[in-house]
Amino acid sequence: MVIQVITALAAGLGLFLYGMKLMSEGLEKAAGARLRKILEMVTKNRFLGMIVGILFTAVVQSSSATTVLVVSFVNAGLMDLLQAAGVILGANIGTTITAQLIAFNLSDVAPFFLIGGVVMLMFFKQPMIKRIGEVVLGFGMLFFGMSVMSGGMETLKSSPVIADILGSLTHPFFAVAVGFVVTAVLQSSSATVGIVLLMASQGLIPLEICFYIILGCNMGSCVSALIASIGGKKMAKRAAHIHFIVNIVGSAAIMVVLFFLQEQILSFITSISTAMGIEDVYVNGVNAKIARDVANTHLIFKVFQVLVCFPLAKPIVKLTYLLVPGEDKKADNMHLEYIGENSVFSTTAALPNIISETTRMAGIAIDNLSKGIDVLFSKDTKVIEEIYETEKAVNFLNEEITNYLVKANQLSLPVEDRKLLGGLFHVVNDIERIGDHAENMADAATQLREDNLSISSFAEAQIRDMFAKTKTLLRYSLEAFEKKHEEHLRDILELEEEIDEEERVLQESHVERLTKGECDAETGMIFTDVVSNIERVADHATNIAFSIITDVQKTDIND
């Protein structure tokens, strides 16, 4: 009998956890990209950031997922700590929606969700329908798991041993510790609250003890973000500590209030369910009123926690600098900064982090190209060697980012993000080719130095003028790529046409100078190669800019 009960509880918990994971990941895949865009747009205001945090977490059903996303955003430099604090506070409230759903006790309809989810996954080919199918299936598994656990706990009620063990769970601090440990192990405060809800509704633990277990859950939910930030930058660690501090400070404040007003709070919470017309009856082995009491407790505690911590956001951010002192060492060019094994990973934030790393690679390649143009005229041996060394770093980043893109293509990314991965392969390749042109400039400078040749001041002015236009084009292209701005796309096309025309004119004028004997053939060949290289850089820059838009949009811009 004992083995059967343990098996039922373990199976129910497994179904519950996997169902929640499936539902959360399915929602992230289906709507993660859109939710991320909203998050990026409105987090400049801390209050709006909190509202978005509530909505985002309510949708993805996981405060851990939201917090890890925020930590990864901070790691990538897309969000500052004060903005992160607003979203994290909102996530604390949004996570209570799971307990509210569980309290509805939808076990009777769980089989319909299971069947519906399986049908959508097996018989539909459209990616979006499959993602929604995962959500529906996960929802069904969650409630089916709750039903299985409820059946197992029904048996536990008659066990004197279990009654004695749970009866000893009377000390508030011990209850907090249990909530913390269980949540840290399960990596889900919603799962722990769900279990507590079932146990309380079966009469295994009193509501007042649920108060303290839920406080432990609040603190245990910080573990996911703290673990996720381990390999990240100091700012990412600080963002994770914001989550930790908020939950510690909020839980401590609630503990103080409970110490003086526990009976009044207990009466207030039970009166809410009564006012809602929820009867003290058992449905599928679960006491509906007690289940709602536990869910409401979770919600009220979280709201109180946010009310306490929202005005303290700035001091909390300052405190994180004391807990995580110092600044990050600047990453050298032969190391990844935003992606890889030592970065903070979130499927919803994977694409922005790849874009940040790719933009960093582009900055290195463009700076190297500028050195390449300058060294044509200085012929400085030391700078030439620096260009060759930097080109090795560009090649390294090209290989590493490409490998990461291959791995990302095998992950369960949001549907919209997966559509952009193919274009990113081409962008990284275009940036690598820009790096090659910098190396070509160094080769030309080496030849000029070894053969004791010089480019005339007139030709230098022409090269610098053409490159200045190309640098403007590169700047517009990177802005379009990194920030998805389309405002300069027409300017980019016009600049590319100007550079193409300038390349044609310079090549013709060079031939004319050669025929008049105004320059020697060897220097002339280097000049034409340099001009051709700059024109090709402009082509690569245009490719980078147009990686963000569809073929239909390209047609509109060209018209």
Protein backbone atom coordinates (compact mmCIF):
# COMPACT_ATOMS: atom_id res chain seq x y z
CA MET A 1 0.00 0.00 0.00
CA VAL A 2 2.80 2.42 0.94
CA ILE A 3 4.64 1.72 -2.31
CA GLN A 4 1.45 2.30 -4.30
CA VAL A 5 0.84 5.64 -2.58
CA ILE A 6 4.44 6.78 -3.12
CA THR A 7 4.25 5.69 -6.76
CA ALA A 8 0.99 7.60 -7.26
CA LEU A 9 2.41 10.74 -5.68
CA ALA A 10 5.63 10.53 -7.69
CA ALA A 11 3.75 9.87 -10.93
CA GLY A 12 1.33 12.71 -10.25
CA LEU A 13 4.16 15.09 -9.42
CA GLY A 14 6.04 14.03 -12.55
CA LEU A 15 2.99 14.65 -14.73
CA PHE A 16 2.38 18.00 -13.02
CA LEU A 17 5.97 19.21 -13.46
CA TYR A 18 6.27 17.99 -17.04
CA GLY A 19 2.86 19.43 -17.91
CA MET A 20 3.88 22.81 -16.51
CA LYS A 21 7.19 22.65 -18.40
CA LEU A 22 5.43 21.68 -21.65
CA MET A 23 2.84 24.42 -21.23
CA SER A 24 5.44 27.07 -20.37
CA GLU A 25 7.79 26.13 -23.23
CA GLY A 26 4.90 25.85 -25.68
CA LEU A 27 3.74 29.36 -24.78
CA GLU A 28 7.28 30.69 -25.13
CA LYS A 29 7.65 29.09 -28.56
CA ALA A 30 4.26 30.33 -29.75
CA ALA A 31 4.35 33.86 -28.37
CA GLY A 32 7.82 34.36 -26.88
CA ALA A 33 9.10 36.64 -29.65
CA ARG A 34 6.06 38.93 -29.47
CA LEU A 35 6.17 39.01 -25.67
CA ARG A 36 9.89 39.83 -25.79
CA LYS A 37 9.25 42.77 -28.13
CA ILE A 38 6.63 44.11 -25.72
CA LEU A 39 9.09 43.63 -22.86
CA GLU A 40 11.79 45.55 -24.76
CA MET A 41 9.40 48.39 -25.62
CA VAL A 42 7.80 49.24 -22.29
CA THR A 43 10.42 48.51 -19.66
CA LYS A 44 11.79 52.07 -19.75
CA ASN A 45 9.09 52.86 -17.17
CA ARG A 46 9.41 50.80 -14.00
CA PHE A 47 5.67 50.67 -13.35
CA LEU A 48 4.90 49.61 -16.93
CA GLY A 49 7.72 47.09 -16.63
CA MET A 50 5.98 45.63 -13.57
CA ILE A 51 2.67 45.36 -15.48
CA VAL A 52 4.43 43.62 -18.37
CA GLY A 53 6.16 41.32 -15.87
CA ILE A 54 2.76 40.34 -14.46
CA LEU A 55 1.29 39.67 -17.92
CA PHE A 56 4.38 37.90 -19.27
CA THR A 57 4.58 35.55 -16.28
CA ALA A 58 0.82 34.94 -16.29
CA VAL A 59 1.12 33.85 -19.93
CA VAL A 60 4.25 31.67 -19.71
CA GLN A 61 3.20 30.33 -16.28
CA SER A 62 6.69 30.62 -14.83
CA SER A 63 8.30 33.41 -12.83
CA SER A 64 11.60 31.52 -13.18
CA ALA A 65 11.35 31.74 -16.99
CA THR A 66 10.63 35.47 -16.78
CA THR A 67 13.44 36.13 -14.33
CA VAL A 68 15.99 34.13 -16.36
CA LEU A 69 14.87 36.10 -19.44
CA VAL A 70 15.39 39.37 -17.57
CA VAL A 71 18.81 38.23 -16.33
CA SER A 72 19.82 37.33 -19.90
CA PHE A 73 18.56 40.73 -21.13
CA VAL A 74 20.70 42.48 -18.53
CA ASN A 75 23.63 40.24 -19.49
CA ALA A 76 23.24 41.35 -23.12
CA GLY A 77 22.98 45.03 -22.18
CA LEU A 78 19.37 45.28 -23.40
CA MET A 79 17.98 46.31 -20.01
CA ASP A 80 19.37 48.14 -16.97
CA LEU A 81 18.93 46.99 -13.37
CA LEU A 82 16.16 49.43 -12.46
CA GLN A 83 14.11 48.29 -15.46
CA ALA A 84 14.84 44.68 -14.50
CA ALA A 85 13.58 45.35 -10.97
CA GLY A 86 10.17 46.41 -12.30
CA VAL A 87 9.76 43.28 -14.42
CA ILE A 88 10.93 41.00 -11.59
CA LEU A 89 8.41 42.56 -9.20
CA GLY A 90 5.67 41.96 -11.75
CA ALA A 91 6.79 38.37 -12.26
CA ASN A 92 6.25 37.74 -8.55
CA ILE A 93 2.57 38.60 -8.93
CA GLY A 94 2.13 36.92 -12.31
CA THR A 95 3.30 33.57 -10.97
CA THR A 96 0.24 33.34 -8.69
CA ILE A 97 -2.04 32.69 -11.68
CA THR A 98 -1.00 29.02 -11.66
CA ALA A 99 -2.30 28.47 -8.12
CA GLN A 100 -5.52 30.28 -9.03
CA LEU A 101 -6.01 27.93 -12.00
CA ILE A 102 -5.25 24.86 -9.88
CA ALA A 103 -7.85 26.00 -7.32
CA PHE A 104 -10.53 25.74 -10.02
CA ASN A 105 -9.94 21.96 -9.91
CA LEU A 106 -10.35 21.19 -13.61
CA SER A 107 -9.47 17.50 -13.24
CA ASP A 108 -12.75 16.44 -14.88
CA VAL A 109 -11.88 18.25 -18.13
CA ALA A 110 -8.17 17.32 -18.11
CA PRO A 111 -8.72 14.29 -20.44
CA PHE A 112 -10.26 16.58 -23.06
CA PHE A 113 -7.21 18.83 -22.97
CA LEU A 114 -4.94 15.77 -23.23
CA ILE A 115 -6.79 14.44 -26.27
CA GLY A 116 -6.96 17.88 -27.90
CA GLY A 117 -3.24 18.48 -27.39
CA VAL A 118 -2.27 15.08 -28.79
CA VAL A 119 -4.47 15.63 -31.88
CA MET A 120 -2.90 19.06 -32.53
CA LEU A 121 0.63 17.66 -32.17
CA MET A 122 0.14 14.51 -34.25
CA PHE A 123 -2.20 15.55 -37.04
CA PHE A 124 -1.22 19.13 -37.84
CA LYS A 125 1.94 20.23 -39.62
CA GLN A 126 1.77 23.98 -38.99
CA PRO A 127 4.43 24.93 -36.38
CA MET A 128 2.15 27.39 -34.59
CA ILE A 129 -0.65 24.81 -34.17
CA LYS A 130 1.90 22.32 -32.84
CA ARG A 131 3.11 24.90 -30.30
CA ILE A 132 -0.47 25.57 -29.18
CA GLY A 133 -0.93 21.80 -29.00
CA GLU A 134 1.99 21.62 -26.56
CA VAL A 135 0.29 24.26 -24.40
CA VAL A 136 -3.04 22.41 -24.43
CA LEU A 137 -1.38 19.04 -23.74
CA GLY A 138 0.71 20.55 -20.92
CA PHE A 139 -2.42 22.09 -19.39
CA GLY A 140 -4.15 18.70 -19.45
CA MET A 141 -1.12 16.90 -17.99
CA LEU A 142 -0.87 19.48 -15.20
CA PHE A 143 -4.42 18.86 -13.99
CA PHE A 144 -4.25 15.13 -14.61
CA GLY A 145 -1.11 15.05 -12.44
CA MET A 146 -2.95 17.01 -9.77
CA SER A 147 -5.75 14.44 -9.89
CA VAL A 148 -3.30 11.55 -9.49
CA MET A 149 -1.57 13.27 -6.55
CA SER A 150 -4.94 14.05 -4.97
CA GLY A 151 -5.86 10.36 -5.08
CA GLY A 152 -2.57 9.44 -3.42
CA MET A 153 -3.02 12.04 -0.69
CA GLU A 154 -6.54 10.79 -0.01
CA THR A 155 -4.96 7.52 1.12
CA LEU A 156 -2.39 9.35 3.24
CA LYS A 157 -5.14 10.86 5.39
CA SER A 158 -5.80 7.50 6.99
CA SER A 159 -2.12 6.87 7.77
CA PRO A 160 -1.26 7.60 11.44
CA VAL A 161 2.47 7.78 10.58
CA ILE A 162 1.90 10.51 7.99
CA ALA A 163 -0.46 12.30 10.35
CA ASP A 164 2.25 12.34 13.05
CA ILE A 165 4.92 13.60 10.61
CA LEU A 166 2.74 16.38 9.25
CA GLY A 167 1.44 17.14 12.72
CA SER A 168 5.00 17.97 13.77
CA LEU A 169 5.18 20.60 11.03
CA THR A 170 4.08 23.35 13.41
CA HIS A 171 7.13 25.57 13.76
CA PRO A 172 6.99 28.51 11.32
CA PHE A 173 10.72 28.51 10.55
CA PHE A 174 10.70 24.77 9.87
CA ALA A 175 7.75 25.27 7.49
CA VAL A 176 9.66 28.08 5.71
CA ALA A 177 12.67 25.78 5.37
CA VAL A 178 10.53 22.99 3.90
CA GLY A 179 9.02 25.40 1.34
CA PHE A 180 12.45 26.72 0.42
CA VAL A 181 14.10 23.31 -0.02
CA VAL A 182 11.24 21.73 -1.98
CA THR A 183 11.01 24.74 -4.33
CA ALA A 184 14.78 24.87 -4.82
CA VAL A 185 14.77 21.16 -5.76
CA LEU A 186 11.69 21.28 -8.00
CA GLN A 187 12.78 24.63 -9.51
CA SER A 188 9.13 25.74 -9.46
CA SER A 189 7.31 27.65 -6.75
CA SER A 190 4.04 26.98 -8.60
CA ALA A 191 4.58 23.24 -8.23
CA THR A 192 5.27 23.56 -4.51
CA VAL A 193 2.23 25.78 -3.97
CA GLY A 194 0.17 23.26 -5.94
CA ILE A 195 1.31 20.46 -3.64
CA VAL A 196 0.63 22.60 -0.55
CA LEU A 197 -2.82 23.44 -1.94
CA LEU A 198 -3.64 19.74 -2.31
CA MET A 199 -2.32 18.82 1.13
CA ALA A 200 -4.26 21.63 2.81
CA SER A 201 -7.46 20.80 0.94
CA GLN A 202 -7.11 17.16 2.06
CA GLY A 203 -6.80 18.30 5.68
CA LEU A 204 -3.19 17.14 5.95
CA ILE A 205 -1.83 20.56 7.01
CA PRO A 206 -3.60 23.62 8.46
CA LEU A 207 -3.90 26.88 6.48
CA GLU A 208 -1.72 28.85 8.90
CA ILE A 209 1.20 26.46 8.23
CA CYS A 210 0.61 26.97 4.50
CA PHE A 211 1.42 30.66 5.11
CA TYR A 212 4.98 29.81 6.08
CA ILE A 213 5.54 27.12 3.47
CA ILE A 214 4.48 29.65 0.80
CA LEU A 215 6.99 32.15 2.21
CA GLY A 216 9.66 29.46 1.84
CA CYS A 217 8.48 28.90 -1.75
CA ASN A 218 8.95 32.61 -2.47
CA MET A 219 12.58 32.46 -1.38
CA GLY A 220 13.26 29.08 -3.03
CA SER A 221 12.08 30.43 -6.39
CA CYS A 222 15.20 32.65 -6.47
CA VAL A 223 17.49 29.65 -6.93
CA SER A 224 16.79 29.29 -10.68
CA ALA A 225 17.84 32.87 -11.45
CA LEU A 226 20.89 32.68 -9.19
CA ILE A 227 22.04 29.47 -10.91
CA ALA A 228 21.37 30.97 -14.36
CA SER A 229 23.51 34.02 -13.55
CA ILE A 230 26.57 32.06 -12.41
CA GLY A 231 28.29 32.21 -15.79
CA GLY A 232 27.00 35.67 -16.68
CA LYS A 233 28.40 39.14 -16.23
CA LYS A 234 28.30 41.01 -12.96
CA MET A 235 25.22 42.94 -14.11
CA ALA A 236 23.41 39.64 -14.72
CA LYS A 237 24.39 38.46 -11.24
CA ARG A 238 23.03 41.72 -9.83
CA ALA A 239 19.75 41.21 -11.66
CA ALA A 240 19.43 37.74 -10.12
CA HIS A 241 20.20 39.23 -6.72
CA ILE A 242 17.38 41.74 -7.18
CA HIS A 243 15.00 38.77 -7.37
CA PHE A 244 16.61 37.26 -4.27
CA ILE A 245 16.52 40.50 -2.25
CA VAL A 246 12.91 41.25 -3.21
CA ASN A 247 11.79 37.84 -2.02
CA ILE A 248 13.85 37.93 1.17
CA VAL A 249 12.75 41.46 2.11
CA GLY A 250 9.13 40.79 1.15
CA SER A 251 9.00 37.49 3.00
CA ALA A 252 10.63 39.01 6.09
CA ALA A 253 8.04 41.80 6.10
CA ILE A 254 5.23 39.24 5.87
CA MET A 255 6.78 37.19 8.68
CA VAL A 256 6.72 40.27 10.93
CA VAL A 257 3.09 40.97 10.09
CA LEU A 258 2.14 37.32 10.67
CA PHE A 259 3.85 37.39 14.07
CA PHE A 260 1.43 40.08 15.26
CA LEU A 261 -1.67 39.57 13.09
CA GLN A 262 -1.77 35.89 12.08
CA GLU A 263 -5.32 35.27 13.31
CA GLN A 264 -6.67 38.41 11.64
CA ILE A 265 -4.97 37.50 8.34
CA LEU A 266 -6.33 33.96 8.56
CA SER A 267 -9.83 35.32 9.12
CA PHE A 268 -9.45 37.82 6.26
CA ILE A 269 -8.32 35.19 3.76
CA THR A 270 -11.09 32.73 4.65
CA SER A 271 -13.66 35.54 4.40
CA ILE A 272 -12.60 36.23 0.79
CA SER A 273 -13.56 32.72 -0.30
CA THR A 274 -16.84 33.01 1.58
CA ALA A 275 -17.57 36.33 -0.13
CA MET A 276 -16.81 34.69 -3.50
CA GLY A 277 -19.57 32.16 -2.75
CA ILE A 278 -17.20 29.18 -2.66
CA GLU A 279 -18.65 26.41 -0.54
CA ASP A 280 -16.81 24.22 1.92
CA VAL A 281 -17.34 21.06 -0.17
CA TYR A 282 -15.13 18.37 -1.66
CA VAL A 283 -14.86 18.15 -5.45
CA ASN A 284 -12.79 15.23 -6.77
CA GLY A 285 -11.34 14.78 -3.28
CA VAL A 286 -10.31 18.45 -2.99
CA ASN A 287 -11.93 20.93 -0.60
CA ALA A 288 -12.86 23.81 -2.94
CA LYS A 289 -12.84 26.49 -0.23
CA ILE A 290 -9.48 25.57 1.28
CA ALA A 291 -7.94 25.27 -2.19
CA ARG A 292 -9.09 28.81 -2.95
CA ASP A 293 -7.84 30.01 0.46
CA VAL A 294 -4.32 28.74 -0.34
CA ALA A 295 -4.38 30.27 -3.83
CA ASN A 296 -5.55 33.60 -2.43
CA THR A 297 -2.86 33.46 0.27
CA HIS A 298 -0.22 33.09 -2.43
CA LEU A 299 -1.67 36.05 -4.35
CA ILE A 300 -2.06 38.34 -1.30
CA PHE A 301 1.46 37.61 -0.05
CA LYS A 302 2.94 38.38 -3.46
CA VAL A 303 1.00 41.62 -3.85
CA PHE A 304 2.04 42.72 -0.34
CA GLN A 305 5.64 41.82 -1.15
CA VAL A 306 5.57 44.01 -4.26
CA LEU A 307 3.93 46.90 -2.39
CA VAL A 308 6.76 46.77 0.13
CA CYS A 309 9.58 46.49 -2.40
CA PHE A 310 8.42 48.71 -5.29
CA PRO A 311 9.30 51.99 -3.49
CA LEU A 312 12.62 50.42 -2.46
CA ALA A 313 13.69 49.53 -6.02
CA LYS A 314 16.55 52.03 -6.19
CA PRO A 315 18.05 51.08 -2.78
CA ILE A 316 17.72 47.40 -3.72
CA VAL A 317 19.62 48.02 -6.97
CA LYS A 318 22.34 49.85 -4.98
CA LEU A 319 22.52 46.94 -2.54
CA THR A 320 23.26 44.54 -5.43
CA TYR A 321 26.44 46.53 -6.14
CA LEU A 322 27.57 45.81 -2.58
CA LEU A 323 26.74 42.11 -2.91
CA VAL A 324 28.37 41.87 -6.36
CA PRO A 325 31.18 44.47 -6.30
CA GLY A 326 33.51 45.48 -9.09
CA GLU A 327 33.19 45.53 -12.84
CA ASP A 328 33.68 42.88 -15.50
CA LYS A 329 36.99 42.61 -17.25
CA LYS A 330 36.61 43.56 -20.88
CA ALA A 331 36.38 40.37 -22.93
CA ASP A 332 39.26 39.98 -25.38
CA ASN A 333 38.50 39.39 -29.03
CA MET A 334 39.27 35.68 -28.81
CA HIS A 335 36.39 35.04 -26.41
CA LEU A 336 32.61 35.09 -26.69
CA GLU A 337 30.84 37.67 -24.55
CA TYR A 338 27.07 37.15 -24.94
CA ILE A 339 26.67 33.52 -25.99
CA GLY A 340 28.33 30.18 -25.31
CA GLU A 341 28.73 27.93 -22.30
CA ASN A 342 29.40 30.77 -19.85
CA SER A 343 26.43 32.93 -20.82
CA VAL A 344 22.95 33.23 -19.32
CA PHE A 345 20.62 31.17 -21.54
CA SER A 346 16.93 31.66 -22.17
CA THR A 347 15.17 30.39 -25.30
CA THR A 348 13.22 33.65 -25.58
CA ALA A 349 16.39 35.74 -25.23
CA ALA A 350 18.64 33.50 -27.36
CA LEU A 351 18.14 35.55 -30.53
CA PRO A 352 18.88 38.97 -28.92
CA ASN A 353 22.06 37.50 -27.40
CA ILE A 354 23.16 36.09 -30.76
CA ILE A 355 22.50 39.51 -32.33
CA SER A 356 24.55 41.21 -29.58
CA GLU A 357 27.49 38.84 -30.18
CA THR A 358 27.22 39.29 -33.94
CA THR A 359 27.12 43.08 -33.57
CA ARG A 360 30.22 42.88 -31.37
CA MET A 361 31.96 40.86 -34.09
CA ALA A 362 30.91 43.48 -36.67
CA GLY A 363 32.36 46.28 -34.54
CA ILE A 364 35.69 44.47 -34.33
CA ALA A 365 35.73 43.83 -38.10
CA ILE A 366 34.84 47.45 -38.98
CA ASP A 367 37.47 48.89 -36.61
CA ASN A 368 40.01 46.60 -38.22
CA LEU A 369 38.93 47.75 -41.66
CA SER A 370 39.41 51.39 -40.62
CA LYS A 371 42.94 50.53 -39.48
CA GLY A 372 43.46 48.84 -42.84
CA ILE A 373 42.54 52.03 -44.72
CA ASP A 374 44.82 54.16 -42.50
CA VAL A 375 47.78 51.81 -42.78
CA LEU A 376 47.74 52.12 -46.58
CA PHE A 377 49.21 55.57 -46.09
CA SER A 378 51.23 55.14 -42.87
CA LYS A 379 52.59 51.66 -43.80
CA ASP A 380 53.22 51.10 -40.08
CA THR A 381 54.51 47.54 -39.60
CA LYS A 382 53.13 47.29 -36.06
CA VAL A 383 49.61 48.24 -37.20
CA ILE A 384 49.81 45.75 -40.07
CA GLU A 385 50.56 42.97 -37.58
CA GLU A 386 47.67 44.12 -35.37
CA ILE A 387 45.32 43.87 -38.35
CA TYR A 388 46.41 40.28 -39.03
CA GLU A 389 45.94 39.35 -35.36
CA THR A 390 42.50 40.95 -35.23
CA GLU A 391 41.51 39.10 -38.39
CA LYS A 392 42.25 35.84 -36.55
CA ALA A 393 39.81 36.96 -33.84
CA VAL A 394 37.14 37.76 -36.47
CA ASN A 395 37.59 34.27 -37.93
CA PHE A 396 37.34 32.76 -34.43
CA LEU A 397 34.10 34.64 -33.71
CA ASN A 398 32.73 33.64 -37.11
CA GLU A 399 33.34 29.97 -36.37
CA GLU A 400 31.99 30.12 -32.80
CA ILE A 401 28.85 32.11 -33.64
CA THR A 402 28.13 29.83 -36.60
CA ASN A 403 28.48 26.75 -34.37
CA TYR A 404 26.15 28.35 -31.83
CA LEU A 405 23.62 29.11 -34.58
CA VAL A 406 23.70 25.44 -35.61
CA LYS A 407 22.97 24.43 -32.01
CA ALA A 408 20.28 27.10 -31.64
CA ASN A 409 18.59 25.77 -34.77
CA GLN A 410 18.10 22.47 -32.93
CA LEU A 411 16.53 24.15 -29.86
CA SER A 412 12.89 24.91 -29.20
CA LEU A 413 13.07 28.62 -29.97
CA PRO A 414 10.02 30.85 -30.52
CA VAL A 415 8.53 30.34 -33.99
CA GLU A 416 9.34 33.88 -35.19
CA ASP A 417 12.96 33.57 -34.01
CA ARG A 418 13.50 30.35 -35.92
CA LYS A 419 12.56 32.16 -39.14
CA LEU A 420 15.42 34.62 -38.59
CA LEU A 421 18.15 32.06 -37.91
CA GLY A 422 18.82 31.40 -41.60
CA GLY A 423 19.45 35.09 -42.23
CA LEU A 424 21.86 35.24 -39.30
CA PHE A 425 24.13 32.64 -40.91
CA HIS A 426 24.46 34.98 -43.91
CA VAL A 427 25.02 38.05 -41.71
CA VAL A 428 27.89 36.39 -39.84
CA ASN A 429 29.41 35.34 -43.16
CA ASP A 430 29.11 38.90 -44.52
CA ILE A 431 30.87 40.27 -41.44
CA GLU A 432 33.65 37.72 -41.83
CA ARG A 433 34.11 38.84 -45.44
CA ILE A 434 34.40 42.46 -44.25
CA GLY A 435 37.18 41.22 -41.97
CA ASP A 436 38.89 39.61 -44.98
CA HIS A 437 38.88 42.99 -46.77
CA ALA A 438 40.71 44.51 -43.80
CA GLU A 439 43.36 41.83 -44.25
CA ASN A 440 43.50 42.67 -47.95
CA MET A 441 44.27 46.29 -47.01
CA ALA A 442 47.11 45.09 -44.78
CA ASP A 443 48.46 43.00 -47.67
CA ALA A 444 48.35 46.09 -49.91
CA ALA A 445 50.14 48.18 -47.26
CA THR A 446 52.82 45.49 -46.94
CA GLN A 447 53.36 45.50 -50.71
CA LEU A 448 53.59 49.31 -50.77
CA ARG A 449 56.16 49.27 -47.96
CA GLU A 450 58.27 46.44 -49.40
CA ASP A 451 58.33 47.97 -52.90
CA ASN A 452 58.84 51.49 -51.56
CA LEU A 453 55.68 52.76 -53.24
CA SER A 454 53.23 55.46 -52.16
CA ILE A 455 49.67 56.36 -53.03
CA SER A 456 49.36 59.97 -54.16
CA SER A 457 47.56 62.52 -51.99
CA PHE A 458 44.93 62.89 -54.73
CA ALA A 459 44.26 59.11 -54.77
CA GLU A 460 44.27 59.06 -50.95
CA ALA A 461 41.52 61.70 -50.87
CA GLN A 462 39.44 59.62 -53.30
CA ILE A 463 39.86 56.45 -51.23
CA ARG A 464 39.03 58.22 -47.96
CA ASP A 465 35.95 59.86 -49.47
CA MET A 466 34.67 56.51 -50.75
CA PHE A 467 35.40 54.80 -47.44
CA ALA A 468 33.64 57.56 -45.47
CA LYS A 469 30.44 56.79 -47.39
CA THR A 470 30.97 53.09 -46.79
CA LYS A 471 31.39 53.65 -43.03
CA THR A 472 28.11 55.58 -42.99
CA LEU A 473 26.46 52.71 -44.82
CA LEU A 474 27.95 50.25 -42.31
CA ARG A 475 26.64 52.32 -39.39
CA TYR A 476 23.13 52.41 -40.87
CA SER A 477 23.28 48.68 -41.59
CA LEU A 478 24.30 47.73 -38.07
CA GLU A 479 21.58 49.94 -36.58
CA ALA A 480 19.03 48.25 -38.84
CA PHE A 481 20.33 44.79 -37.93
CA GLU A 482 20.72 45.29 -34.18
CA LYS A 483 17.62 47.39 -33.49
CA LYS A 484 15.41 46.21 -36.37
CA HIS A 485 15.14 49.82 -37.60
CA GLU A 486 13.94 50.18 -41.18
CA GLU A 487 14.18 53.97 -41.36
CA HIS A 488 17.57 54.01 -43.13
CA LEU A 489 16.98 51.15 -45.58
CA ARG A 490 16.26 53.47 -48.48
CA ASP A 491 19.32 55.57 -47.53
CA ILE A 492 21.39 52.38 -47.54
CA LEU A 493 20.28 51.54 -51.07
CA GLU A 494 21.05 55.07 -52.24
CA LEU A 495 24.49 55.00 -50.58
CA GLU A 496 25.27 51.63 -52.15
CA GLU A 497 24.39 53.03 -55.59
CA GLU A 498 26.60 56.07 -54.94
CA ILE A 499 29.51 53.84 -53.92
CA ASP A 500 29.02 51.59 -56.95
CA GLU A 501 29.04 54.66 -59.20
CA GLU A 502 32.07 56.11 -57.43
CA GLU A 503 33.93 52.82 -57.85
CA ARG A 504 33.17 52.87 -61.59
CA VAL A 505 34.32 56.50 -61.94
CA LEU A 506 37.53 55.90 -59.97
CA GLN A 507 38.40 52.83 -62.03
CA GLU A 508 37.88 54.79 -65.27
CA SER A 509 39.89 57.79 -64.06
CA HIS A 510 42.66 55.43 -62.99
CA VAL A 511 42.84 53.92 -66.48
CA GLU A 512 42.97 57.44 -67.86
CA ARG A 513 45.88 58.36 -65.57
CA LEU A 514 47.71 55.18 -66.57
CA THR A 515 47.37 55.99 -70.28
CA LYS A 516 48.74 59.49 -69.62
CA GLY A 517 51.67 58.08 -67.62
CA GLU A 518 50.62 59.96 -64.47
CA CYS A 519 51.05 56.90 -62.22
CA ASP A 520 53.02 53.68 -62.32
CA ALA A 521 51.30 50.39 -63.05
CA GLU A 522 52.09 48.65 -59.74
CA THR A 523 50.68 51.44 -57.56
CA GLY A 524 47.74 51.68 -59.92
CA MET A 525 46.94 47.99 -59.45
CA ILE A 526 46.96 48.42 -55.67
CA PHE A 527 44.68 51.46 -56.00
CA THR A 528 42.12 49.56 -58.11
CA ASP A 529 42.19 46.60 -55.70
CA VAL A 530 41.58 48.93 -52.73
CA VAL A 531 38.65 50.63 -54.47
CA SER A 532 37.16 47.24 -55.42
CA ASN A 533 37.51 46.02 -51.83
CA ILE A 534 35.69 49.05 -50.46
CA GLU A 535 32.85 48.55 -52.97
CA ARG A 536 32.51 44.92 -51.91
CA VAL A 537 32.37 45.97 -48.25
CA ALA A 538 29.42 48.19 -49.15
CA ASP A 539 27.72 45.17 -50.75
CA HIS A 540 28.21 43.10 -47.60
CA ALA A 541 26.89 45.96 -45.45
CA THR A 542 23.75 46.17 -47.57
CA ASN A 543 23.22 42.42 -47.19
CA ILE A 544 23.44 42.80 -43.40
CA ALA A 545 20.81 45.56 -43.34
CA PHE A 546 18.35 43.66 -45.51
CA SER A 547 18.64 40.49 -43.43
CA ILE A 548 15.91 41.89 -41.14
CA ILE A 549 13.16 42.27 -43.73
CA THR A 550 11.11 40.07 -46.05
CA ASP A 551 11.25 39.89 -49.84
CA VAL A 552 7.96 41.79 -50.00
CA GLN A 553 9.43 44.64 -47.96
CA LYS A 554 12.53 44.72 -50.18
CA THR A 555 10.27 45.20 -53.20
CA ASP A 556 8.44 48.06 -51.47
CA ILE A 557 11.70 49.81 -50.59
CA ASN A 558 13.13 49.40 -54.10
CA ASP A 559 9.97 50.80 -55.75
